C-alpha atoms as a PDB file:
ATOM      1  CA  MET A   1      -8.587   1.373 -18.145  1.00  0.00           C
ATOM      2  CA  LYS A   2     -10.575  -1.620 -16.996  1.00  0.00           C
ATOM      3  CA  ARG A   3      -7.472  -3.016 -15.175  1.00  0.00           C
ATOM      4  CA  PHE A   4      -6.239   0.664 -13.934  1.00  0.00           C
ATOM      5  CA  ILE A   5      -9.463   1.368 -11.861  1.00  0.00           C
ATOM      6  CA  ILE A   6     -10.019  -2.399 -10.723  1.00  0.00           C
ATOM      7  CA  HIS A   7      -5.923  -1.724  -8.901  1.00  0.00           C
ATOM      8  CA  LEU A   8      -7.285   1.477  -8.209  1.00  0.00           C
ATOM      9  CA  LEU A   9      -9.794   0.721  -6.174  1.00  0.00           C
ATOM     10  CA  VAL A  10      -8.246  -2.557  -4.777  1.00  0.00           C
ATOM     11  CA  ASN A  11      -5.639   0.259  -3.003  1.00  0.00           C
ATOM     12  CA  THR A  12      -8.576   1.979  -2.127  1.00  0.00           C
ATOM     13  CA  VAL A  13      -9.929  -0.716  -0.133  1.00  0.00           C
ATOM     14  CA  ALA A  14      -6.826  -2.257   0.921  1.00  0.00           C
ATOM     15  CA  LEU A  15      -5.935   1.046   1.729  1.00  0.00           C
ATOM     16  CA  TYR A  16      -8.788   2.215   3.603  1.00  0.00           C
ATOM     17  CA  ALA A  17      -8.876  -1.774   5.728  1.00  0.00           C
ATOM     18  CA  ALA A  18      -5.334  -0.950   6.775  1.00  0.00           C
ATOM     19  CA  VAL A  19      -6.133   2.424   8.456  1.00  0.00           C
ATOM     20  CA  ALA A  20      -8.992   1.323   9.946  1.00  0.00           C
ATOM     21  CA  ILE A  21      -7.462  -1.096  11.665  1.00  0.00           C
ATOM     22  CA  MET A  22      -4.900   0.486  13.174  1.00  0.00           C
ATOM     23  CA  ASN A  23      -6.548   3.564  13.671  1.00  0.00           C
ATOM     24  CA  GLY A  24      -6.044   4.546  17.159  1.00  0.00           C
ATOM     25  CA  HIS A  25      -2.796   2.024  17.349  1.00  0.00           C
ATOM     26  CA  GLY A  26      -0.091   4.263  15.735  1.00  0.00           C
ATOM     27  CA  ILE A  27      -1.780   5.422  12.651  1.00  0.00           C
ATOM     28  CA  THR A  28      -3.479   8.348  12.259  1.00  0.00           C
ATOM     29  CA  PRO A  29      -5.851   9.507   9.495  1.00  0.00           C
ATOM     30  CA  GLN A  30      -6.116  13.097   8.499  1.00  0.00           C
ATOM     31  CA  ASN A  31      -9.193  12.239   6.441  1.00  0.00           C
ATOM     32  CA  THR A  32     -11.787   9.897   6.502  1.00  0.00           C
ATOM     33  CA  ASN A  33     -13.803  10.134   3.401  1.00  0.00           C
ATOM     34  CA  TRP A  34     -13.754   7.930   0.255  1.00  0.00           C
ATOM     35  CA  LEU A  35     -12.148  10.639  -2.012  1.00  0.00           C
ATOM     36  CA  SER A  36      -9.429  10.968   0.117  1.00  0.00           C
ATOM     37  CA  PHE A  37      -8.688   7.232  -0.176  1.00  0.00           C
ATOM     38  CA  ILE A  38      -8.481   6.503  -3.498  1.00  0.00           C
ATOM     39  CA  TRP A  39      -6.799  10.028  -4.067  1.00  0.00           C
ATOM     40  CA  LEU A  40      -4.483   8.270  -1.273  1.00  0.00           C
ATOM     41  CA  ALA A  41      -4.573   4.787  -3.284  1.00  0.00           C
ATOM     42  CA  LEU A  42      -3.338   6.765  -6.385  1.00  0.00           C
ATOM     43  CA  ILE A  43      -0.540   8.009  -4.645  1.00  0.00           C
ATOM     44  CA  PHE A  44       0.505   4.749  -3.238  1.00  0.00           C
ATOM     45  CA  GLY A  45       0.353   3.283  -6.746  1.00  0.00           C
ATOM     46  CA  LEU A  46       2.810   5.227  -8.194  1.00  0.00           C
ATOM     47  CA  ILE A  47       5.325   5.329  -5.068  1.00  0.00           C
ATOM     48  CA  ASN A  48       5.005   1.620  -5.505  1.00  0.00           C
ATOM     49  CA  ALA A  49       5.462   1.680  -9.763  1.00  0.00           C
ATOM     50  CA  ILE A  50       8.289   4.360  -9.803  1.00  0.00           C
ATOM     51  CA  LEU A  51      10.075   3.170  -6.141  1.00  0.00           C
ATOM     52  CA  ARG A  52       9.640  -0.637  -5.877  1.00  0.00           C
ATOM     53  CA  PRO A  53      11.731  -2.067  -8.835  1.00  0.00           C
ATOM     54  CA  ILE A  54      14.553   0.638  -7.594  1.00  0.00           C
ATOM     55  CA  LEU A  55      14.435  -1.148  -4.151  1.00  0.00           C
ATOM     56  CA  ILE A  56      13.760  -4.539  -5.250  1.00  0.00           C
ATOM     57  CA  VAL A  57      17.538  -4.314  -7.197  1.00  0.00           C
ATOM     58  CA  LEU A  58      19.076  -2.492  -4.829  1.00  0.00           C
ATOM     59  CA  SER A  59      18.248  -5.002  -1.945  1.00  0.00           C
ATOM     60  CA  CYS A  60      18.720  -7.766  -4.512  1.00  0.00           C
ATOM     61  CA  PRO A  61      21.653  -9.674  -2.106  1.00  0.00           C
ATOM     62  CA  LEU A  62      19.183  -8.755   1.131  1.00  0.00           C
ATOM     63  CA  LEU A  63      16.507 -10.707  -0.618  1.00  0.00           C
ATOM     64  CA  ILE A  64      18.224 -13.632  -0.966  1.00  0.00           C
ATOM     65  CA  LEU A  65      19.252 -13.542   2.190  1.00  0.00           C
ATOM     66  CA  THR A  66      16.620 -13.511   3.871  1.00  0.00           C
ATOM     67  CA  LEU A  67      14.453 -15.654   1.081  1.00  0.00           C
ATOM     68  CA  GLY A  68      12.440 -13.245   0.183  1.00  0.00           C
ATOM     69  CA  LEU A  69      11.267 -11.504   3.624  1.00  0.00           C
ATOM     70  CA  GLY A  70      13.456  -7.980   3.043  1.00  0.00           C
ATOM     71  CA  THR A  71      10.247  -7.426   0.618  1.00  0.00           C
ATOM     72  CA  LEU A  72       8.335  -6.684   3.906  1.00  0.00           C
ATOM     73  CA  LEU A  73      10.783  -4.418   5.069  1.00  0.00           C
ATOM     74  CA  ILE A  74      10.522  -2.291   1.350  1.00  0.00           C
ATOM     75  CA  ASN A  75       6.738  -2.806   1.997  1.00  0.00           C
ATOM     76  CA  THR A  76       6.678  -1.307   5.119  1.00  0.00           C
ATOM     77  CA  LEU A  77       8.953   1.683   3.761  1.00  0.00           C
ATOM     78  CA  LEU A  78       6.561   2.138   0.826  1.00  0.00           C
ATOM     79  CA  PHE A  79       3.395   2.324   3.024  1.00  0.00           C
ATOM     80  CA  TYR A  80       5.051   4.989   5.561  1.00  0.00           C
ATOM     81  CA  LEU A  81       6.177   7.036   2.626  1.00  0.00           C
ATOM     82  CA  ALA A  82       2.788   6.844   1.219  1.00  0.00           C
ATOM     83  CA  GLY A  83       0.964   8.402   4.442  1.00  0.00           C
ATOM     84  CA  LEU A  84       4.216  11.195   4.695  1.00  0.00           C
ATOM     85  CA  LEU A  85       3.842  12.217   1.104  1.00  0.00           C
ATOM     86  CA  GLY A  86      -0.319  12.271   1.566  1.00  0.00           C
ATOM     87  CA  THR A  87      -0.106  14.203   4.563  1.00  0.00           C
ATOM     88  CA  SER A  88       1.450  16.916   1.945  1.00  0.00           C
ATOM     89  CA  PHE A  89      -1.714  16.888  -0.031  1.00  0.00           C
ATOM     90  CA  GLY A  90      -4.253  16.754   2.989  1.00  0.00           C
ATOM     91  CA  VAL A  91      -5.133  13.256   1.840  1.00  0.00           C
ATOM     92  CA  GLY A  92      -2.875  10.856   4.072  1.00  0.00           C
ATOM     93  CA  PHE A  93      -1.975   9.357   7.217  1.00  0.00           C
ATOM     94  CA  THR A  94       0.604   9.609   9.946  1.00  0.00           C
ATOM     95  CA  VAL A  95       2.627   6.527  11.473  1.00  0.00           C
ATOM     96  CA  ASP A  96       3.801   6.305  15.095  1.00  0.00           C
ATOM     97  CA  GLY A  97       6.761   3.810  14.393  1.00  0.00           C
ATOM     98  CA  PHE A  98       7.790   0.961  12.803  1.00  0.00           C
ATOM     99  CA  LEU A  99       5.821  -1.310  13.897  1.00  0.00           C
ATOM    100  CA  PRO A 100       2.488   0.386  12.933  1.00  0.00           C
ATOM    101  CA  ALA A 101       3.618   0.750   9.460  1.00  0.00           C
ATOM    102  CA  PHE A 102       4.732  -2.844   9.375  1.00  0.00           C
ATOM    103  CA  LEU A 103       0.821  -4.257  10.676  1.00  0.00           C
ATOM    104  CA  GLY A 104      -0.451  -1.562   8.314  1.00  0.00           C
ATOM    105  CA  ALA A 105       1.639  -2.923   5.135  1.00  0.00           C
ATOM    106  CA  LEU A 106       1.176  -6.294   6.092  1.00  0.00           C
ATOM    107  CA  VAL A 107      -2.497  -5.539   6.066  1.00  0.00           C
ATOM    108  CA  VAL A 108      -2.868  -3.800   3.015  1.00  0.00           C
ATOM    109  CA  SER A 109      -0.939  -6.620   1.146  1.00  0.00           C
ATOM    110  CA  LEU A 110      -3.518  -9.443   2.777  1.00  0.00           C
ATOM    111  CA  VAL A 111      -6.380  -7.467   1.630  1.00  0.00           C
ATOM    112  CA  SER A 112      -4.970  -6.396  -1.986  1.00  0.00           C
ATOM    113  CA  PHE A 113      -3.874 -10.458  -2.350  1.00  0.00           C
ATOM    114  CA  VAL A 114      -8.007 -11.449  -1.509  1.00  0.00           C
ATOM    115  CA  LEU A 115      -9.124  -8.803  -3.520  1.00  0.00           C
ATOM    116  CA  HIS A 116      -6.701  -9.430  -6.818  1.00  0.00           C
ATOM    117  CA  LEU A 117      -7.653 -12.980  -6.234  1.00  0.00           C
ATOM    118  CA  THR A 118     -11.321 -12.192  -5.931  1.00  0.00           C
ATOM    119  CA  PHE A 119     -11.078 -10.256  -9.535  1.00  0.00           C
ATOM    120  CA  HIS A 120      -8.603 -12.065 -10.853  1.00  0.00           C
ATOM    121  CA  SER A 121     -10.887 -13.125 -13.859  1.00  0.00           C
ATOM    122  CA  ALA A 122     -11.818  -9.618 -14.669  1.00  0.00           C
ATOM    123  CA  LEU A 123      -8.167  -8.471 -14.762  1.00  0.00           C
ATOM    124  CA  LYS A 124      -7.557 -11.640 -17.156  1.00  0.00           C
ATOM    125  CA  SER A 125     -10.175 -10.714 -19.598  1.00  0.00           C
ATOM    126  CA  GLU A 126      -8.583  -7.661 -20.525  1.00  0.00           C
ATOM    127  CA  LYS A 127      -4.900  -8.717 -21.219  1.00  0.00           C
END
């Protein structure tokens, strides 16, 4: 349970950072309170858990051909879908094009990476 909460909080902070940085540059949030971002992080986590493995398996030849850079496109698509699905629940954000979605997904990836490194010992201790 501790692991789930840490992952949820990491996703919440990462999504908040991406929306805050890209606000006015192609990403427009529906809500800016923390509860909305927690719900959005839950939606984002579910989308990543369900669709990401399927997309990686289906695009395996592309990933091999691009030496893994195709995962950036998958992350962009999942970031866009999280915003779109969150919008239908009133907690998402709208994306105006590919570049804002790509940069938002890049920010989410970088912030998540740094925060997972920070909480690595807490995540490792529960296994």
